[in-house]
Amino acid sequence: MLIVLISLILLITITLPIVSIAIDYSMDSSNIIETKSEVSKLINAVDMVYSRSGGSKELVVLNLPKATTLSFSNSSKSQSASNQMDMGLASFSYMFSDGNEKTVEIDINAKNINTKLYLNEGLNKVIVYMDDNSKNINFEIIE
């Protein structure tokens, strides 16, 4: 009986931390995939507004698992000698539970955005629009 009890205690002390780490990695993976999916909805709205002329608007509702800063720039990761498409880039960083950070980059068709968008955890309503007299994409967060 004593051997079974000692074996059970050893098994628990070894497997419990491993299970905890596995759960953390699983939650991190799930959160980053969910964040990328939600950000992709915003990117699709940006591309839709950009493809239309000035005066167009799109309302996007995002449900983020954690607060995210989305950065837009005029340089794309897919610009190379063979691929000279003029595209922009959207990116966000995700901090994992172990302290590591990953930057996720997504190409966008609009190249006239150079700003940061601060999105809260939970629901965010964002209007993506282009003015009639401007070719710049703008954002408005509705509280």
Protein backbone atom coordinates (compact mmCIF):
# COMPACT_ATOMS: atom_id res chain seq x y z
CA MET A 1 0.00 0.00 0.00
CA LEU A 2 2.84 2.39 0.83
CA ILE A 3 4.47 1.78 -2.56
CA VAL A 4 1.20 2.60 -4.36
CA LEU A 5 0.82 5.82 -2.34
CA ILE A 6 4.39 6.92 -3.06
CA SER A 7 3.98 6.07 -6.75
CA LEU A 8 0.75 8.06 -6.88
CA ILE A 9 2.38 11.10 -5.22
CA LEU A 10 5.35 10.94 -7.62
CA LEU A 11 3.02 10.59 -10.60
CA ILE A 12 0.99 13.62 -9.55
CA THR A 13 4.03 15.81 -8.81
CA ILE A 14 5.52 15.02 -12.21
CA THR A 15 2.44 15.10 -14.44
CA LEU A 16 0.60 18.06 -12.93
CA PRO A 17 3.20 20.68 -14.02
CA ILE A 18 3.42 19.10 -17.46
CA VAL A 19 -0.36 19.22 -17.85
CA SER A 20 -0.37 22.85 -16.69
CA ILE A 21 2.25 23.80 -19.30
CA ALA A 22 0.32 21.95 -22.00
CA ILE A 23 -2.88 23.81 -21.07
CA ASP A 24 -1.04 27.17 -21.19
CA TYR A 25 0.39 26.41 -24.66
CA SER A 26 -3.02 25.27 -25.85
CA MET A 27 -4.70 28.47 -24.59
CA ASP A 28 -1.96 30.60 -26.18
CA SER A 29 -2.40 28.85 -29.52
CA SER A 30 -6.15 29.20 -29.36
CA ASN A 31 -5.93 32.91 -28.46
CA ILE A 32 -3.46 33.79 -31.22
CA ILE A 33 -5.56 31.96 -33.83
CA GLU A 34 -8.71 33.70 -32.59
CA THR A 35 -6.97 37.10 -32.60
CA LYS A 36 -5.67 36.57 -36.14
CA SER A 37 -9.15 35.54 -37.28
CA GLU A 38 -10.73 38.67 -35.77
CA VAL A 39 -8.00 40.94 -37.17
CA SER A 40 -8.56 39.34 -40.59
CA LYS A 41 -12.16 40.57 -40.49
CA LEU A 42 -10.85 44.11 -40.04
CA ILE A 43 -8.27 43.61 -42.82
CA ASN A 44 -11.03 42.42 -45.17
CA ALA A 45 -13.01 45.59 -44.38
CA VAL A 46 -9.91 47.73 -45.05
CA ASP A 47 -9.38 45.99 -48.40
CA MET A 48 -13.07 46.40 -49.26
CA VAL A 49 -13.06 50.15 -48.48
CA TYR A 50 -9.77 50.59 -50.35
CA SER A 51 -11.10 48.83 -53.45
CA ARG A 52 -14.08 51.19 -53.59
CA SER A 53 -13.76 54.91 -54.14
CA GLY A 54 -13.78 57.64 -51.51
CA GLY A 55 -16.80 57.92 -49.24
CA SER A 56 -17.13 54.19 -48.56
CA LYS A 57 -17.52 52.77 -45.04
CA GLU A 58 -17.55 49.39 -43.36
CA LEU A 59 -18.53 48.55 -39.77
CA VAL A 60 -16.64 45.66 -38.21
CA VAL A 61 -17.38 44.06 -34.84
CA LEU A 62 -14.41 42.27 -33.32
CA ASN A 63 -14.36 40.03 -30.26
CA LEU A 64 -10.75 39.78 -29.11
CA PRO A 65 -9.49 37.39 -26.42
CA LYS A 66 -7.00 40.02 -25.22
CA ALA A 67 -6.16 43.68 -25.83
CA THR A 68 -4.25 44.13 -29.08
CA THR A 69 -2.33 46.93 -30.77
CA LEU A 70 -2.69 46.63 -34.53
CA SER A 71 -0.01 48.47 -36.53
CA PHE A 72 -0.37 49.42 -40.18
CA SER A 73 2.54 50.33 -42.43
CA ASN A 74 3.20 50.92 -46.11
CA SER A 75 5.68 48.09 -46.55
CA SER A 76 4.65 44.53 -47.26
CA LYS A 77 6.43 41.33 -46.26
CA SER A 78 5.74 39.87 -49.72
CA GLN A 79 7.56 42.55 -51.70
CA SER A 80 10.45 40.91 -53.48
CA ALA A 81 12.23 41.18 -56.80
CA SER A 82 9.77 38.73 -58.36
CA ASN A 83 6.69 40.13 -56.62
CA GLN A 84 6.59 43.91 -56.95
CA MET A 85 2.98 44.28 -55.80
CA ASP A 86 2.48 47.53 -53.93
CA MET A 87 0.81 46.44 -50.70
CA GLY A 88 0.62 47.47 -47.08
CA LEU A 89 1.18 45.47 -43.94
CA ALA A 90 -0.83 45.00 -40.77
CA SER A 91 0.83 43.44 -37.74
CA PHE A 92 0.23 42.70 -34.08
CA SER A 93 2.31 41.12 -31.35
CA TYR A 94 1.13 38.43 -28.97
CA MET A 95 2.76 37.77 -25.60
CA PHE A 96 2.69 34.09 -24.67
CA SER A 97 2.20 32.90 -21.10
CA ASP A 98 5.88 31.86 -20.94
CA GLY A 99 7.02 35.43 -21.75
CA ASN A 100 7.89 34.87 -25.42
CA GLU A 101 6.45 37.23 -28.01
CA LYS A 102 5.32 36.50 -31.56
CA THR A 103 4.59 39.11 -34.22
CA VAL A 104 1.88 38.20 -36.72
CA GLU A 105 1.97 40.03 -40.08
CA ILE A 106 -0.83 40.17 -42.64
CA ASP A 107 -0.58 41.74 -46.11
CA ILE A 108 -3.25 44.26 -47.04
CA ASN A 109 -4.12 45.78 -50.40
CA ALA A 110 -4.31 49.32 -49.01
CA LYS A 111 -0.92 51.01 -48.98
CA ASN A 112 -2.02 54.37 -47.64
CA ILE A 113 -2.29 53.49 -43.95
CA ASN A 114 0.43 54.27 -41.46
CA THR A 115 -1.14 54.19 -38.02
CA LYS A 116 -1.75 52.13 -34.89
CA LEU A 117 -5.14 50.95 -33.73
CA TYR A 118 -5.59 50.11 -30.05
CA LEU A 119 -8.25 47.44 -29.55
CA ASN A 120 -9.62 46.33 -26.18
CA GLU A 121 -10.22 42.83 -24.93
CA GLY A 122 -13.78 41.76 -25.75
CA LEU A 123 -16.07 43.53 -28.19
CA ASN A 124 -14.76 46.36 -30.39
CA LYS A 125 -16.82 48.18 -32.99
CA VAL A 126 -14.65 49.77 -35.65
CA ILE A 127 -15.74 51.88 -38.60
CA VAL A 128 -13.31 51.72 -41.53
CA TYR A 129 -13.79 54.60 -43.95
CA MET A 130 -12.23 56.63 -46.73
CA ASP A 131 -13.05 60.32 -47.10
CA ASP A 132 -14.38 61.62 -50.41
CA ASN A 133 -11.50 64.08 -50.88
CA SER A 134 -8.76 61.84 -49.51
CA LYS A 135 -7.34 58.47 -50.46
CA ASN A 136 -6.41 57.63 -46.86
CA ILE A 137 -8.07 54.86 -44.88
CA ASN A 138 -9.29 56.00 -41.45
CA PHE A 139 -10.64 54.21 -38.39
CA GLU A 140 -13.18 55.18 -35.79
CA ILE A 141 -13.68 53.05 -32.69
CA ILE A 142 -17.23 53.21 -31.34
CA GLU A 143 -17.49 52.80 -27.59
